[in-house]
């Protein structure tokens, strides 16, 4: 049997070791998994924020382009307001700014001349995709340390955890 390389240590290993004497009931596996998920989330958020800087996009601009792209590149302002959970007036301001940058255009509806349709322009799609690609490449880079079966297993395990999380928290009773 070949000797195996020891698993490299990360920041979380030291974190867990530091807290175990302070909290004797701390489950090192649970603490390690939760801390790693939090740190991974922060890492991916930083990559996303840097991609927005690189593509000269504000967060709200990216969100608006993202929701529009998710509707096939065409939507009514009211649909975007619903998707973004914003008041219609807020969406109008966002669309004004995005239209000035050449990322969207508003055209009269073909079925109702009183309404407009917002369309993602080629420039808007290219900018949105560029920002998305940066994050996608980093996600791919991180998960490529796992083989296909391991990625599937990780996805399935995280789904099981999320199902419980989406049920809502239960508060333990601290009464003695």
N, C-alpha and C. Protein backbone atom coordinates (compact mmCIF):
# COMPACT_ATOMS: atom_id res chain seq x y z
N UNK A 1 0.85 -1.18 0.00
CA UNK A 1 0.00 0.00 0.00
C UNK A 1 0.89 1.24 0.00
N UNK A 2 0.60 2.16 -0.93
CA UNK A 2 1.39 3.39 -1.06
C UNK A 2 1.08 4.34 0.09
N UNK A 3 2.10 4.99 0.65
CA UNK A 3 1.80 6.01 1.66
C UNK A 3 1.11 7.20 0.99
N UNK A 4 0.13 7.76 1.68
CA UNK A 4 -0.60 8.90 1.11
C UNK A 4 -0.04 10.19 1.68
N UNK A 5 -0.11 11.21 0.87
CA UNK A 5 0.32 12.54 1.31
C UNK A 5 -0.66 13.03 2.36
N UNK A 6 -0.16 13.70 3.39
CA UNK A 6 -1.10 14.26 4.37
C UNK A 6 -1.93 15.37 3.71
N UNK A 7 -3.17 15.48 4.14
CA UNK A 7 -4.03 16.54 3.62
C UNK A 7 -3.46 17.89 4.06
N UNK A 8 -3.31 18.83 3.14
CA UNK A 8 -2.80 20.15 3.54
C UNK A 8 -3.74 20.81 4.54
N UNK A 9 -3.15 21.56 5.43
CA UNK A 9 -3.94 22.28 6.43
C UNK A 9 -4.34 23.65 5.88
N UNK A 10 -5.47 24.13 6.37
CA UNK A 10 -5.91 25.47 5.98
C UNK A 10 -6.15 26.31 7.23
N UNK A 11 -6.56 27.55 7.02
CA UNK A 11 -6.79 28.49 8.13
C UNK A 11 -7.78 27.92 9.13
N UNK A 12 -8.81 27.21 8.65
CA UNK A 12 -9.86 26.69 9.51
C UNK A 12 -9.33 25.64 10.50
N UNK A 13 -8.34 24.85 10.09
CA UNK A 13 -7.77 23.87 11.02
C UNK A 13 -7.24 24.56 12.28
N UNK A 14 -6.52 25.65 12.09
CA UNK A 14 -5.99 26.40 13.24
C UNK A 14 -7.12 27.05 14.04
N UNK A 15 -8.13 27.55 13.35
CA UNK A 15 -9.30 28.15 14.01
C UNK A 15 -9.96 27.13 14.95
N UNK A 16 -10.21 25.93 14.44
CA UNK A 16 -10.86 24.89 15.25
C UNK A 16 -9.98 24.52 16.44
N UNK A 17 -8.67 24.35 16.22
CA UNK A 17 -7.76 24.01 17.32
C UNK A 17 -7.75 25.09 18.40
N UNK A 18 -7.84 26.34 17.98
CA UNK A 18 -7.82 27.46 18.93
C UNK A 18 -9.09 27.47 19.79
N UNK A 19 -10.23 27.10 19.20
CA UNK A 19 -11.50 27.18 19.93
C UNK A 19 -11.87 25.92 20.71
N UNK A 20 -11.30 24.78 20.39
CA UNK A 20 -11.66 23.55 21.12
C UNK A 20 -11.40 23.64 22.62
N UNK A 21 -10.27 24.18 23.09
CA UNK A 21 -10.09 24.27 24.54
C UNK A 21 -11.06 25.27 25.19
N UNK A 22 -11.48 26.27 24.44
CA UNK A 22 -12.38 27.30 24.97
C UNK A 22 -13.81 26.77 25.05
N UNK A 23 -14.19 25.98 24.05
CA UNK A 23 -15.54 25.41 23.97
C UNK A 23 -15.41 23.89 23.88
N UNK A 24 -15.31 23.21 25.03
CA UNK A 24 -15.07 21.76 25.03
C UNK A 24 -16.12 20.96 24.28
N UNK A 25 -17.34 21.46 24.17
CA UNK A 25 -18.41 20.73 23.47
C UNK A 25 -18.41 20.98 21.96
N UNK A 26 -17.46 21.77 21.48
CA UNK A 26 -17.41 22.11 20.05
C UNK A 26 -17.12 20.87 19.22
N UNK A 27 -17.98 20.61 18.26
CA UNK A 27 -17.75 19.50 17.33
C UNK A 27 -16.81 20.01 16.25
N UNK A 28 -15.57 19.50 16.19
CA UNK A 28 -14.61 20.04 15.24
C UNK A 28 -15.01 19.83 13.78
N UNK A 29 -15.75 18.78 13.50
CA UNK A 29 -16.18 18.53 12.12
C UNK A 29 -17.25 19.54 11.70
N UNK A 30 -18.23 19.76 12.58
CA UNK A 30 -19.29 20.73 12.27
C UNK A 30 -18.69 22.13 12.17
N UNK A 31 -17.86 22.51 13.14
CA UNK A 31 -17.23 23.83 13.12
C UNK A 31 -16.36 24.00 11.88
N UNK A 32 -15.62 22.98 11.53
CA UNK A 32 -14.77 23.05 10.34
C UNK A 32 -15.58 23.22 9.07
N UNK A 33 -16.64 22.43 8.93
CA UNK A 33 -17.47 22.51 7.72
C UNK A 33 -18.17 23.86 7.60
N UNK A 34 -18.77 24.32 8.70
CA UNK A 34 -19.50 25.59 8.66
C UNK A 34 -18.54 26.75 8.42
N UNK A 35 -17.40 26.75 9.08
CA UNK A 35 -16.42 27.82 8.90
C UNK A 35 -15.91 27.83 7.46
N UNK A 36 -15.64 26.67 6.91
CA UNK A 36 -15.16 26.61 5.52
C UNK A 36 -16.23 27.11 4.55
N UNK A 37 -17.51 26.75 4.79
CA UNK A 37 -18.57 27.24 3.91
C UNK A 37 -18.65 28.77 3.98
N UNK A 38 -18.54 29.33 5.19
CA UNK A 38 -18.59 30.78 5.34
C UNK A 38 -17.41 31.44 4.63
N UNK A 39 -16.21 30.90 4.82
CA UNK A 39 -15.03 31.49 4.19
C UNK A 39 -15.08 31.34 2.67
N UNK A 40 -15.60 30.24 2.18
CA UNK A 40 -15.76 30.06 0.74
C UNK A 40 -16.75 31.08 0.18
N UNK A 41 -17.84 31.30 0.90
CA UNK A 41 -18.83 32.29 0.47
C UNK A 41 -18.21 33.69 0.41
N UNK A 42 -17.42 34.03 1.41
CA UNK A 42 -16.74 35.34 1.43
C UNK A 42 -15.76 35.43 0.26
N UNK A 43 -15.02 34.36 0.01
CA UNK A 43 -14.06 34.34 -1.10
C UNK A 43 -14.77 34.59 -2.43
N UNK A 44 -15.87 33.87 -2.67
CA UNK A 44 -16.59 34.02 -3.93
C UNK A 44 -17.23 35.41 -4.04
N UNK A 45 -17.68 35.97 -2.91
CA UNK A 45 -18.23 37.33 -2.92
C UNK A 45 -17.15 38.33 -3.32
N UNK A 46 -15.93 38.15 -2.79
CA UNK A 46 -14.82 39.06 -3.15
C UNK A 46 -14.48 38.95 -4.63
N UNK A 47 -14.46 37.74 -5.16
CA UNK A 47 -14.18 37.55 -6.59
C UNK A 47 -15.26 38.24 -7.41
N UNK A 48 -16.52 38.07 -7.03
CA UNK A 48 -17.63 38.70 -7.75
C UNK A 48 -17.50 40.22 -7.69
N UNK A 49 -17.22 40.76 -6.51
CA UNK A 49 -17.09 42.21 -6.37
C UNK A 49 -15.93 42.73 -7.20
N UNK A 50 -14.83 41.99 -7.26
CA UNK A 50 -13.69 42.41 -8.08
C UNK A 50 -14.06 42.37 -9.56
N UNK A 51 -14.85 41.38 -9.96
CA UNK A 51 -15.26 41.31 -11.37
C UNK A 51 -16.13 42.51 -11.72
N UNK A 52 -16.94 42.98 -10.77
CA UNK A 52 -17.76 44.17 -11.03
C UNK A 52 -16.87 45.39 -11.22
N UNK A 53 -15.83 45.50 -10.40
CA UNK A 53 -14.87 46.61 -10.54
C UNK A 53 -14.20 46.52 -11.91
N UNK A 54 -13.74 45.31 -12.26
CA UNK A 54 -13.05 45.12 -13.53
C UNK A 54 -13.92 45.49 -14.73
N UNK A 55 -15.22 45.24 -14.62
CA UNK A 55 -16.14 45.55 -15.73
C UNK A 55 -16.87 46.87 -15.52
N UNK A 56 -16.42 47.64 -14.52
CA UNK A 56 -16.98 48.97 -14.24
C UNK A 56 -18.49 48.94 -14.07
N UNK A 57 -18.94 47.97 -13.28
CA UNK A 57 -20.36 47.82 -12.99
C UNK A 57 -20.62 48.03 -11.51
N UNK A 58 -21.67 48.75 -11.20
CA UNK A 58 -22.16 48.80 -9.82
C UNK A 58 -22.95 47.53 -9.57
N UNK A 59 -23.05 47.15 -8.32
CA UNK A 59 -23.78 45.92 -7.97
C UNK A 59 -25.21 45.95 -8.51
N UNK A 60 -25.90 47.09 -8.31
CA UNK A 60 -27.29 47.18 -8.75
C UNK A 60 -27.40 47.13 -10.28
N UNK A 61 -26.37 47.61 -10.99
CA UNK A 61 -26.39 47.51 -12.45
C UNK A 61 -26.27 46.05 -12.88
N UNK A 62 -25.33 45.35 -12.26
CA UNK A 62 -25.16 43.92 -12.57
C UNK A 62 -26.46 43.17 -12.27
N UNK A 63 -27.05 43.43 -11.10
CA UNK A 63 -28.28 42.73 -10.73
C UNK A 63 -29.38 42.95 -11.76
N UNK A 64 -29.50 44.18 -12.24
CA UNK A 64 -30.54 44.49 -13.22
C UNK A 64 -30.25 43.78 -14.54
N UNK A 65 -28.99 43.84 -15.01
CA UNK A 65 -28.63 43.12 -16.24
C UNK A 65 -28.86 41.62 -16.08
N UNK A 66 -28.53 41.09 -14.90
CA UNK A 66 -28.67 39.66 -14.63
C UNK A 66 -30.15 39.24 -14.71
N UNK A 67 -31.01 40.01 -14.09
CA UNK A 67 -32.44 39.68 -14.11
C UNK A 67 -32.99 39.79 -15.53
N UNK A 68 -32.54 40.80 -16.27
CA UNK A 68 -32.98 40.96 -17.65
C UNK A 68 -32.49 39.79 -18.50
N UNK A 69 -31.24 39.41 -18.34
CA UNK A 69 -30.70 38.26 -19.09
C UNK A 69 -31.47 36.99 -18.73
N UNK A 70 -31.84 36.85 -17.47
CA UNK A 70 -32.59 35.68 -17.02
C UNK A 70 -33.98 35.58 -17.62
N UNK A 71 -34.45 36.68 -18.17
CA UNK A 71 -35.76 36.69 -18.86
C UNK A 71 -35.56 36.65 -20.37
N UNK A 72 -34.40 36.16 -20.80
CA UNK A 72 -34.15 36.03 -22.23
C UNK A 72 -33.71 37.33 -22.90
N UNK A 73 -33.36 38.34 -22.08
CA UNK A 73 -32.88 39.60 -22.63
C UNK A 73 -33.98 40.60 -22.95
N UNK A 74 -35.23 40.27 -22.63
CA UNK A 74 -36.37 41.18 -22.88
C UNK A 74 -37.35 41.07 -21.72
N UNK A 75 -37.81 42.23 -21.24
CA UNK A 75 -38.78 42.21 -20.15
C UNK A 75 -39.46 43.57 -20.06
N UNK A 76 -40.62 43.56 -19.46
CA UNK A 76 -41.30 44.81 -19.12
C UNK A 76 -40.66 45.36 -17.85
N UNK A 77 -40.61 46.67 -17.70
CA UNK A 77 -40.07 47.23 -16.47
C UNK A 77 -40.77 46.69 -15.21
N UNK A 78 -42.06 46.44 -15.31
CA UNK A 78 -42.79 45.90 -14.15
C UNK A 78 -42.29 44.51 -13.77
N UNK A 79 -41.91 43.71 -14.78
CA UNK A 79 -41.36 42.37 -14.51
C UNK A 79 -40.01 42.48 -13.81
N UNK A 80 -39.19 43.43 -14.27
CA UNK A 80 -37.89 43.63 -13.61
C UNK A 80 -38.08 44.12 -12.19
N UNK A 81 -39.03 45.01 -11.99
CA UNK A 81 -39.31 45.52 -10.63
C UNK A 81 -39.68 44.36 -9.71
N UNK A 82 -40.50 43.46 -10.21
CA UNK A 82 -40.89 42.29 -9.43
C UNK A 82 -39.69 41.39 -9.15
N UNK A 83 -38.90 41.11 -10.18
CA UNK A 83 -37.72 40.25 -10.02
C UNK A 83 -36.71 40.83 -9.04
N UNK A 84 -36.58 42.16 -9.06
CA UNK A 84 -35.59 42.83 -8.20
C UNK A 84 -36.17 43.22 -6.85
N UNK A 85 -37.48 43.00 -6.67
CA UNK A 85 -38.19 43.37 -5.44
C UNK A 85 -38.01 44.87 -5.16
N UNK A 86 -38.26 45.67 -6.20
CA UNK A 86 -38.12 47.12 -6.11
C UNK A 86 -39.40 47.80 -6.56
N UNK A 87 -39.54 49.05 -6.15
CA UNK A 87 -40.63 49.88 -6.65
C UNK A 87 -40.36 50.21 -8.11
N UNK A 88 -41.41 50.31 -8.92
CA UNK A 88 -41.21 50.64 -10.33
C UNK A 88 -40.37 51.90 -10.56
N UNK A 89 -40.53 52.92 -9.73
CA UNK A 89 -39.75 54.16 -9.90
C UNK A 89 -38.26 53.90 -9.74
N UNK A 90 -37.90 52.99 -8.84
CA UNK A 90 -36.48 52.65 -8.65
C UNK A 90 -35.92 51.97 -9.89
N UNK A 91 -36.72 51.12 -10.50
CA UNK A 91 -36.28 50.42 -11.71
C UNK A 91 -36.11 51.42 -12.85
N UNK A 92 -37.00 52.39 -12.94
CA UNK A 92 -36.89 53.41 -13.98
C UNK A 92 -35.56 54.13 -13.89
N UNK A 93 -35.14 54.49 -12.69
CA UNK A 93 -33.85 55.15 -12.50
C UNK A 93 -32.69 54.26 -12.93
N UNK A 94 -32.77 52.99 -12.59
CA UNK A 94 -31.72 52.05 -13.00
C UNK A 94 -31.67 51.92 -14.52
N UNK A 95 -32.84 51.80 -15.13
CA UNK A 95 -32.89 51.64 -16.58
C UNK A 95 -32.39 52.89 -17.30
N UNK A 96 -32.69 54.06 -16.75
CA UNK A 96 -32.17 55.31 -17.33
C UNK A 96 -30.65 55.26 -17.40
N UNK A 97 -30.03 54.89 -16.28
CA UNK A 97 -28.56 54.85 -16.21
C UNK A 97 -27.99 53.77 -17.14
N UNK A 98 -28.61 52.60 -17.17
CA UNK A 98 -28.13 51.51 -18.04
C UNK A 98 -28.32 51.86 -19.52
N UNK A 99 -29.39 52.59 -19.82
CA UNK A 99 -29.62 53.00 -21.20
C UNK A 99 -28.56 54.02 -21.63
N UNK A 100 -28.21 54.94 -20.74
CA UNK A 100 -27.16 55.92 -21.04
C UNK A 100 -25.82 55.24 -21.32
N UNK A 101 -25.57 54.12 -20.66
CA UNK A 101 -24.32 53.39 -20.86
C UNK A 101 -24.38 52.47 -22.08
N UNK A 102 -25.55 52.37 -22.70
CA UNK A 102 -25.70 51.54 -23.89
C UNK A 102 -25.90 50.06 -23.59
N UNK A 103 -26.25 49.72 -22.35
CA UNK A 103 -26.42 48.33 -21.95
C UNK A 103 -27.84 47.81 -22.18
N UNK A 104 -28.82 48.72 -22.20
CA UNK A 104 -30.20 48.34 -22.48
C UNK A 104 -30.82 49.38 -23.41
N UNK A 105 -31.92 48.99 -24.04
CA UNK A 105 -32.71 49.96 -24.81
C UNK A 105 -34.17 49.69 -24.49
N UNK A 106 -34.93 50.75 -24.52
CA UNK A 106 -36.38 50.63 -24.31
C UNK A 106 -37.08 50.91 -25.63
N UNK A 107 -37.98 50.01 -25.97
CA UNK A 107 -38.75 50.18 -27.21
C UNK A 107 -40.23 50.03 -26.88
N UNK A 108 -41.08 50.69 -27.68
CA UNK A 108 -42.53 50.52 -27.45
C UNK A 108 -42.95 49.07 -27.65
N UNK A 109 -43.86 48.63 -26.84
CA UNK A 109 -44.40 47.28 -26.97
C UNK A 109 -45.14 47.16 -28.30
N UNK A 110 -45.03 46.02 -28.94
CA UNK A 110 -45.73 45.80 -30.21
C UNK A 110 -47.21 45.53 -29.98
N UNK A 111 -47.58 45.15 -28.75
CA UNK A 111 -48.98 44.83 -28.47
C UNK A 111 -49.71 45.98 -27.78
N UNK A 112 -48.97 46.88 -27.09
CA UNK A 112 -49.60 47.98 -26.37
C UNK A 112 -48.65 49.18 -26.40
N UNK A 113 -48.97 50.17 -27.21
CA UNK A 113 -48.07 51.31 -27.41
C UNK A 113 -47.83 52.12 -26.13
N UNK A 114 -48.67 51.93 -25.11
CA UNK A 114 -48.47 52.64 -23.84
C UNK A 114 -47.36 52.00 -23.01
N UNK A 115 -46.98 50.80 -23.35
CA UNK A 115 -45.97 50.06 -22.59
C UNK A 115 -44.64 50.04 -23.34
N UNK A 116 -43.57 49.80 -22.57
CA UNK A 116 -42.26 49.64 -23.20
C UNK A 116 -41.70 48.27 -22.86
N UNK A 117 -40.79 47.84 -23.69
CA UNK A 117 -40.06 46.59 -23.46
C UNK A 117 -38.60 46.98 -23.30
N UNK A 118 -37.95 46.42 -22.29
CA UNK A 118 -36.53 46.65 -22.07
C UNK A 118 -35.78 45.50 -22.71
N UNK A 119 -34.77 45.85 -23.50
CA UNK A 119 -33.96 44.82 -24.18
C UNK A 119 -32.50 44.99 -23.79
N UNK A 120 -31.85 43.87 -23.58
CA UNK A 120 -30.41 43.85 -23.34
C UNK A 120 -29.72 44.09 -24.67
N UNK A 121 -28.81 45.05 -24.74
CA UNK A 121 -28.05 45.28 -25.98
C UNK A 121 -26.88 44.30 -26.04
N UNK A 122 -26.24 44.25 -27.20
CA UNK A 122 -25.05 43.40 -27.34
C UNK A 122 -23.98 43.81 -26.32
N UNK A 123 -23.80 45.11 -26.14
CA UNK A 123 -22.82 45.61 -25.18
C UNK A 123 -23.20 45.21 -23.75
N UNK A 124 -24.48 45.31 -23.43
CA UNK A 124 -24.96 44.92 -22.10
C UNK A 124 -24.76 43.45 -21.85
N UNK A 125 -25.08 42.63 -22.86
CA UNK A 125 -24.90 41.17 -22.72
C UNK A 125 -23.42 40.83 -22.56
N UNK A 126 -22.57 41.46 -23.36
CA UNK A 126 -21.13 41.19 -23.30
C UNK A 126 -20.55 41.57 -21.93
N UNK A 127 -20.97 42.71 -21.40
CA UNK A 127 -20.49 43.15 -20.09
C UNK A 127 -20.98 42.22 -19.00
N UNK A 128 -22.26 41.87 -19.03
CA UNK A 128 -22.84 40.96 -18.03
C UNK A 128 -22.13 39.60 -18.09
N UNK A 129 -21.97 39.06 -19.31
CA UNK A 129 -21.31 37.75 -19.45
C UNK A 129 -19.86 37.81 -18.98
N UNK A 130 -19.17 38.90 -19.26
CA UNK A 130 -17.79 39.03 -18.82
C UNK A 130 -17.68 38.95 -17.30
N UNK A 131 -18.55 39.69 -16.61
CA UNK A 131 -18.54 39.66 -15.14
C UNK A 131 -18.92 38.27 -14.64
N UNK A 132 -19.88 37.62 -15.30
CA UNK A 132 -20.29 36.27 -14.90
C UNK A 132 -19.15 35.27 -15.12
N UNK A 133 -18.43 35.41 -16.22
CA UNK A 133 -17.35 34.47 -16.55
C UNK A 133 -16.25 34.47 -15.50
N UNK A 134 -15.93 35.64 -14.96
CA UNK A 134 -14.88 35.72 -13.94
C UNK A 134 -15.25 34.83 -12.75
N UNK A 135 -16.46 34.98 -12.26
CA UNK A 135 -16.91 34.18 -11.13
C UNK A 135 -17.02 32.70 -11.52
N UNK A 136 -17.55 32.43 -12.70
CA UNK A 136 -17.68 31.05 -13.15
C UNK A 136 -16.34 30.34 -13.23
N UNK A 137 -15.32 31.05 -13.72
CA UNK A 137 -13.99 30.45 -13.81
C UNK A 137 -13.44 30.14 -12.42
N UNK A 138 -13.68 31.03 -11.46
CA UNK A 138 -13.18 30.77 -10.11
C UNK A 138 -13.93 29.61 -9.47
N UNK A 139 -15.24 29.54 -9.64
CA UNK A 139 -16.01 28.41 -9.10
C UNK A 139 -15.49 27.10 -9.69
N UNK A 140 -15.26 27.11 -10.99
CA UNK A 140 -14.76 25.92 -11.67
C UNK A 140 -13.37 25.55 -11.15
N UNK A 141 -12.50 26.54 -10.99
CA UNK A 141 -11.14 26.30 -10.49
C UNK A 141 -11.18 25.64 -9.11
N UNK A 142 -12.04 26.13 -8.25
CA UNK A 142 -12.12 25.60 -6.89
C UNK A 142 -12.67 24.17 -6.88
N UNK A 143 -13.72 23.93 -7.63
CA UNK A 143 -14.36 22.62 -7.57
C UNK A 143 -13.65 21.57 -8.42
N UNK A 144 -12.72 21.97 -9.25
CA UNK A 144 -11.95 21.00 -10.05
C UNK A 144 -10.98 20.18 -9.20
N UNK A 145 -10.80 20.54 -7.92
CA UNK A 145 -9.97 19.68 -7.06
C UNK A 145 -10.72 18.39 -6.73
N UNK A 146 -12.02 18.37 -7.00
CA UNK A 146 -12.84 17.18 -6.79
C UNK A 146 -13.10 16.53 -8.14
N UNK A 147 -13.19 15.19 -8.16
CA UNK A 147 -13.57 14.54 -9.41
C UNK A 147 -15.09 14.67 -9.59
N UNK A 148 -15.58 14.21 -10.71
CA UNK A 148 -17.00 14.41 -11.04
C UNK A 148 -17.92 13.77 -10.00
N UNK A 149 -17.60 12.57 -9.54
CA UNK A 149 -18.43 11.91 -8.52
C UNK A 149 -18.42 12.69 -7.21
N UNK A 150 -17.25 13.21 -6.83
CA UNK A 150 -17.15 13.99 -5.60
C UNK A 150 -17.95 15.29 -5.70
N UNK A 151 -17.91 15.95 -6.87
CA UNK A 151 -18.69 17.19 -7.06
C UNK A 151 -20.18 16.89 -6.96
N UNK A 152 -20.60 15.77 -7.54
CA UNK A 152 -22.01 15.37 -7.46
C UNK A 152 -22.40 15.09 -6.01
N UNK A 153 -21.54 14.37 -5.30
CA UNK A 153 -21.81 14.06 -3.90
C UNK A 153 -21.87 15.33 -3.06
N UNK A 154 -20.92 16.25 -3.27
CA UNK A 154 -20.93 17.52 -2.53
C UNK A 154 -22.22 18.28 -2.81
N UNK A 155 -22.62 18.36 -4.06
CA UNK A 155 -23.85 19.05 -4.42
C UNK A 155 -25.05 18.42 -3.73
N UNK A 156 -25.12 17.10 -3.73
CA UNK A 156 -26.24 16.39 -3.09
C UNK A 156 -26.25 16.63 -1.58
N UNK A 157 -25.08 16.59 -0.96
CA UNK A 157 -25.01 16.81 0.49
C UNK A 157 -25.41 18.24 0.85
N UNK A 158 -24.94 19.22 0.07
CA UNK A 158 -25.30 20.61 0.34
C UNK A 158 -26.80 20.82 0.14
N UNK A 159 -27.40 20.14 -0.84
CA UNK A 159 -28.85 20.23 -1.04
C UNK A 159 -29.58 19.74 0.20
N UNK A 160 -29.15 18.62 0.76
CA UNK A 160 -29.80 18.08 1.97
C UNK A 160 -29.71 19.08 3.11
N UNK A 161 -28.58 19.73 3.26
CA UNK A 161 -28.41 20.74 4.30
C UNK A 161 -29.32 21.94 4.04
N UNK A 162 -29.38 22.38 2.77
CA UNK A 162 -30.21 23.54 2.42
C UNK A 162 -31.70 23.27 2.64
N UNK A 163 -32.15 22.05 2.38
CA UNK A 163 -33.56 21.72 2.62
C UNK A 163 -33.90 21.97 4.09
N UNK A 164 -33.01 21.56 4.98
CA UNK A 164 -33.25 21.78 6.41
C UNK A 164 -33.17 23.28 6.73
N UNK A 165 -32.20 23.99 6.15
CA UNK A 165 -32.06 25.42 6.40
C UNK A 165 -33.30 26.18 5.93
N UNK A 166 -33.86 25.77 4.79
CA UNK A 166 -35.02 26.46 4.24
C UNK A 166 -36.29 26.20 5.03
N UNK A 167 -36.28 25.18 5.89
CA UNK A 167 -37.42 24.92 6.76
C UNK A 167 -37.50 25.97 7.86
N UNK A 168 -36.40 26.67 8.09
CA UNK A 168 -36.37 27.71 9.11
C UNK A 168 -35.66 27.23 10.35
N UNK A 169 -35.10 28.18 11.10
CA UNK A 169 -34.35 27.80 12.29
C UNK A 169 -35.25 27.38 13.44
N UNK A 170 -34.70 26.52 14.27
CA UNK A 170 -35.36 26.19 15.53
C UNK A 170 -34.45 26.71 16.61
N UNK A 171 -35.03 27.33 17.60
CA UNK A 171 -34.26 27.93 18.67
C UNK A 171 -34.21 26.96 19.84
N UNK A 172 -32.99 26.60 20.26
CA UNK A 172 -32.90 25.69 21.41
C UNK A 172 -33.34 26.41 22.69
N UNK A 173 -33.85 25.64 23.60
CA UNK A 173 -34.24 26.21 24.90
C UNK A 173 -33.03 26.22 25.81
N UNK A 174 -32.70 27.39 26.34
CA UNK A 174 -31.54 27.52 27.23
C UNK A 174 -31.95 27.53 28.69
N UNK A 175 -33.20 27.17 28.95
CA UNK A 175 -33.67 27.15 30.34
C UNK A 175 -33.21 25.87 31.01
N UNK A 176 -32.68 26.00 32.22
CA UNK A 176 -32.13 24.85 32.92
C UNK A 176 -33.08 24.07 33.66
